[in-house]
């Protein structure tokens, strides 16, 4: 029998990322955050904003690849503005890419956890419990 799928939702924009998981009551909650300032050192005055956005998206992808290597999730959904979404997908390795079950080309970074369910209801499945 297959174990219950563990879903990871990555929500990102050009400077921030949230790692979100469903709880037993199907509510979504952020379990970790990343931001561009702490994720890498900036070269003051040398980098264009677009370049920084792509670099941050690649750092997010590397973090997700690391989580996949640790078997921290079975299914992955990524939500980000189109440019960031493409940059993240570009750096996912094969093991991570096969776990992607959906993407959402939308900036949801400022949406509170309590309001995320509506955006991800297509991917958040009910928990199946054995009947006694």
C-alpha atoms as a PDB file:
ATOM      1  CA  UNK A   1       0.000   0.000   0.000  1.00  0.00           C
ATOM      2  CA  UNK A   2       1.362   3.411  -0.927  1.00  0.00           C
ATOM      3  CA  UNK A   3       2.073   5.818   1.891  1.00  0.00           C
ATOM      4  CA  UNK A   4       0.067   9.027   2.090  1.00  0.00           C
ATOM      5  CA  UNK A   5       1.564  11.543  -0.290  1.00  0.00           C
ATOM      6  CA  UNK A   6       3.441  14.367   1.341  1.00  0.00           C
ATOM      7  CA  UNK A   7       2.823  17.640  -0.461  1.00  0.00           C
ATOM      8  CA  UNK A   8       5.187  20.619  -0.504  1.00  0.00           C
ATOM      9  CA  UNK A   9       4.014  23.925  -1.911  1.00  0.00           C
ATOM     10  CA  UNK A  10       6.663  26.498  -2.794  1.00  0.00           C
ATOM     11  CA  UNK A  11       5.437  30.070  -3.101  1.00  0.00           C
ATOM     12  CA  UNK A  12       8.010  32.530  -4.421  1.00  0.00           C
ATOM     13  CA  UNK A  13       8.528  35.929  -5.937  1.00  0.00           C
ATOM     14  CA  UNK A  14      11.754  37.633  -6.935  1.00  0.00           C
ATOM     15  CA  UNK A  15      13.003  38.148  -3.387  1.00  0.00           C
ATOM     16  CA  UNK A  16      11.070  35.836  -1.034  1.00  0.00           C
ATOM     17  CA  UNK A  17       9.988  32.200  -0.799  1.00  0.00           C
ATOM     18  CA  UNK A  18       7.723  30.249   1.530  1.00  0.00           C
ATOM     19  CA  UNK A  19       7.619  26.500   1.978  1.00  0.00           C
ATOM     20  CA  UNK A  20       4.040  25.500   2.787  1.00  0.00           C
ATOM     21  CA  UNK A  21       2.472  22.201   3.822  1.00  0.00           C
ATOM     22  CA  UNK A  22      -1.089  21.054   4.435  1.00  0.00           C
ATOM     23  CA  UNK A  23      -2.013  20.106   7.981  1.00  0.00           C
ATOM     24  CA  UNK A  24      -4.386  17.326   8.982  1.00  0.00           C
ATOM     25  CA  UNK A  25      -7.377  19.653   8.755  1.00  0.00           C
ATOM     26  CA  UNK A  26      -6.316  20.629   5.199  1.00  0.00           C
ATOM     27  CA  UNK A  27      -5.299  24.131   6.290  1.00  0.00           C
ATOM     28  CA  UNK A  28      -2.038  25.311   4.773  1.00  0.00           C
ATOM     29  CA  UNK A  29       0.789  26.619   6.920  1.00  0.00           C
ATOM     30  CA  UNK A  30       4.200  28.055   6.115  1.00  0.00           C
ATOM     31  CA  UNK A  31       6.923  25.973   7.686  1.00  0.00           C
ATOM     32  CA  UNK A  32       9.964  27.861   6.384  1.00  0.00           C
ATOM     33  CA  UNK A  33      10.908  31.089   4.616  1.00  0.00           C
ATOM     34  CA  UNK A  34      13.795  32.327   2.448  1.00  0.00           C
ATOM     35  CA  UNK A  35      14.624  35.827   1.341  1.00  0.00           C
ATOM     36  CA  UNK A  36      17.159  37.209  -1.092  1.00  0.00           C
ATOM     37  CA  UNK A  37      19.048  39.217   1.517  1.00  0.00           C
ATOM     38  CA  UNK A  38      19.879  36.227   3.669  1.00  0.00           C
ATOM     39  CA  UNK A  39      20.084  33.683   0.834  1.00  0.00           C
ATOM     40  CA  UNK A  40      23.081  35.257  -0.870  1.00  0.00           C
ATOM     41  CA  UNK A  41      25.341  38.269  -0.711  1.00  0.00           C
ATOM     42  CA  UNK A  42      24.488  41.062  -3.083  1.00  0.00           C
ATOM     43  CA  UNK A  43      27.111  42.820  -5.177  1.00  0.00           C
ATOM     44  CA  UNK A  44      26.121  46.391  -4.386  1.00  0.00           C
ATOM     45  CA  UNK A  45      25.546  48.430  -7.527  1.00  0.00           C
ATOM     46  CA  UNK A  46      26.782  45.754  -9.942  1.00  0.00           C
ATOM     47  CA  UNK A  47      23.735  43.552 -10.427  1.00  0.00           C
ATOM     48  CA  UNK A  48      20.517  44.468 -12.141  1.00  0.00           C
ATOM     49  CA  UNK A  49      17.262  43.652 -10.346  1.00  0.00           C
ATOM     50  CA  UNK A  50      16.301  41.067 -13.002  1.00  0.00           C
ATOM     51  CA  UNK A  51      19.601  39.255 -12.539  1.00  0.00           C
ATOM     52  CA  UNK A  52      19.070  39.159  -8.776  1.00  0.00           C
ATOM     53  CA  UNK A  53      15.556  37.811  -9.289  1.00  0.00           C
ATOM     54  CA  UNK A  54      16.866  34.962 -11.449  1.00  0.00           C
ATOM     55  CA  UNK A  55      19.676  34.201  -9.011  1.00  0.00           C
ATOM     56  CA  UNK A  56      17.220  34.031  -6.128  1.00  0.00           C
ATOM     57  CA  UNK A  57      14.902  31.742  -8.123  1.00  0.00           C
ATOM     58  CA  UNK A  58      17.864  29.442  -8.743  1.00  0.00           C
ATOM     59  CA  UNK A  59      18.643  29.401  -5.009  1.00  0.00           C
ATOM     60  CA  UNK A  60      15.029  28.436  -4.315  1.00  0.00           C
ATOM     61  CA  UNK A  61      15.329  25.609  -6.867  1.00  0.00           C
ATOM     62  CA  UNK A  62      18.538  24.375  -5.240  1.00  0.00           C
ATOM     63  CA  UNK A  63      16.816  24.340  -1.843  1.00  0.00           C
ATOM     64  CA  UNK A  64      13.890  22.365  -3.279  1.00  0.00           C
ATOM     65  CA  UNK A  65      16.358  19.961  -4.941  1.00  0.00           C
ATOM     66  CA  UNK A  66      18.019  19.454  -1.537  1.00  0.00           C
ATOM     67  CA  UNK A  67      14.644  18.719   0.065  1.00  0.00           C
ATOM     68  CA  UNK A  68      13.869  16.188  -2.676  1.00  0.00           C
ATOM     69  CA  UNK A  69      17.238  14.512  -2.097  1.00  0.00           C
ATOM     70  CA  UNK A  70      16.293  14.217   1.587  1.00  0.00           C
ATOM     71  CA  UNK A  71      12.958  12.660   0.538  1.00  0.00           C
ATOM     72  CA  UNK A  72      11.154  15.490   2.368  1.00  0.00           C
ATOM     73  CA  UNK A  73       8.144  15.444   0.000  1.00  0.00           C
ATOM     74  CA  UNK A  74       6.420  13.284  -2.593  1.00  0.00           C
ATOM     75  CA  UNK A  75       4.512  15.917  -4.575  1.00  0.00           C
ATOM     76  CA  UNK A  76       5.473  19.496  -5.368  1.00  0.00           C
ATOM     77  CA  UNK A  77       3.434  22.515  -6.421  1.00  0.00           C
ATOM     78  CA  UNK A  78       5.170  25.784  -7.285  1.00  0.00           C
ATOM     79  CA  UNK A  79       3.473  29.182  -7.354  1.00  0.00           C
ATOM     80  CA  UNK A  80       5.409  32.219  -8.567  1.00  0.00           C
ATOM     81  CA  UNK A  81       5.157  35.044 -11.101  1.00  0.00           C
ATOM     82  CA  UNK A  82       5.866  33.699 -14.617  1.00  0.00           C
ATOM     83  CA  UNK A  83       9.494  34.893 -14.814  1.00  0.00           C
ATOM     84  CA  UNK A  84      10.396  33.468 -11.390  1.00  0.00           C
ATOM     85  CA  UNK A  85       8.459  30.262 -12.032  1.00  0.00           C
ATOM     86  CA  UNK A  86      10.402  29.635 -15.246  1.00  0.00           C
ATOM     87  CA  UNK A  87      13.724  30.328 -13.516  1.00  0.00           C
ATOM     88  CA  UNK A  88      12.893  27.926 -10.671  1.00  0.00           C
ATOM     89  CA  UNK A  89      11.760  25.162 -13.040  1.00  0.00           C
ATOM     90  CA  UNK A  90      14.919  25.673 -15.114  1.00  0.00           C
ATOM     91  CA  UNK A  91      17.119  24.595 -12.190  1.00  0.00           C
ATOM     92  CA  UNK A  92      15.110  21.679 -10.829  1.00  0.00           C
ATOM     93  CA  UNK A  93      16.920  18.393 -11.227  1.00  0.00           C
ATOM     94  CA  UNK A  94      15.257  15.308 -12.705  1.00  0.00           C
ATOM     95  CA  UNK A  95      14.401  13.782  -9.300  1.00  0.00           C
ATOM     96  CA  UNK A  96      12.656  16.983  -8.255  1.00  0.00           C
ATOM     97  CA  UNK A  97      10.991  17.684 -11.609  1.00  0.00           C
ATOM     98  CA  UNK A  98       9.192  14.323 -11.637  1.00  0.00           C
ATOM     99  CA  UNK A  99       7.550  15.283  -8.327  1.00  0.00           C
ATOM    100  CA  UNK A 100       5.981  18.476  -9.746  1.00  0.00           C
ATOM    101  CA  UNK A 101       2.227  17.920  -9.946  1.00  0.00           C
ATOM    102  CA  UNK A 102       1.267  21.518 -10.609  1.00  0.00           C
ATOM    103  CA  UNK A 103       2.330  25.100 -11.087  1.00  0.00           C
ATOM    104  CA  UNK A 104       0.560  28.387 -10.658  1.00  0.00           C
ATOM    105  CA  UNK A 105       1.949  31.445 -12.471  1.00  0.00           C
ATOM    106  CA  UNK A 106       0.790  33.892  -9.835  1.00  0.00           C
ATOM    107  CA  UNK A 107       2.364  36.006  -7.087  1.00  0.00           C
ATOM    108  CA  UNK A 108       0.897  34.716  -3.820  1.00  0.00           C
ATOM    109  CA  UNK A 109       3.695  35.805  -1.458  1.00  0.00           C
ATOM    110  CA  UNK A 110       1.529  38.316   0.389  1.00  0.00           C
ATOM    111  CA  UNK A 111      -1.459  35.980   0.710  1.00  0.00           C
ATOM    112  CA  UNK A 112      -1.757  34.865   4.359  1.00  0.00           C
ATOM    113  CA  UNK A 113      -1.691  31.141   5.144  1.00  0.00           C
ATOM    114  CA  UNK A 114      -5.379  31.199   6.077  1.00  0.00           C
ATOM    115  CA  UNK A 115      -6.288  32.338   2.557  1.00  0.00           C
ATOM    116  CA  UNK A 116      -4.043  29.965   0.564  1.00  0.00           C
ATOM    117  CA  UNK A 117      -6.362  26.945   0.448  1.00  0.00           C
ATOM    118  CA  UNK A 118      -8.559  28.444  -2.259  1.00  0.00           C
ATOM    119  CA  UNK A 119      -5.557  28.748  -4.591  1.00  0.00           C
ATOM    120  CA  UNK A 120      -4.296  25.197  -4.031  1.00  0.00           C
ATOM    121  CA  UNK A 121      -7.487  23.168  -3.540  1.00  0.00           C
ATOM    122  CA  UNK A 122      -6.844  21.247  -6.776  1.00  0.00           C
ATOM    123  CA  UNK A 123      -3.697  19.734  -5.256  1.00  0.00           C
ATOM    124  CA  UNK A 124      -4.453  19.408  -1.543  1.00  0.00           C
ATOM    125  CA  UNK A 125      -6.031  15.978  -1.135  1.00  0.00           C
ATOM    126  CA  UNK A 126      -7.982  14.792   1.880  1.00  0.00           C
ATOM    127  CA  UNK A 127      -6.125  12.562   4.299  1.00  0.00           C
ATOM    128  CA  UNK A 128      -7.260   8.969   3.886  1.00  0.00           C
ATOM    129  CA  UNK A 129      -7.624   7.070   7.110  1.00  0.00           C
ATOM    130  CA  UNK A 130      -8.214   3.343   7.463  1.00  0.00           C
ATOM    131  CA  UNK A 131     -11.713   2.519   8.647  1.00  0.00           C
ATOM    132  CA  UNK A 132     -12.078   0.169  11.600  1.00  0.00           C
END
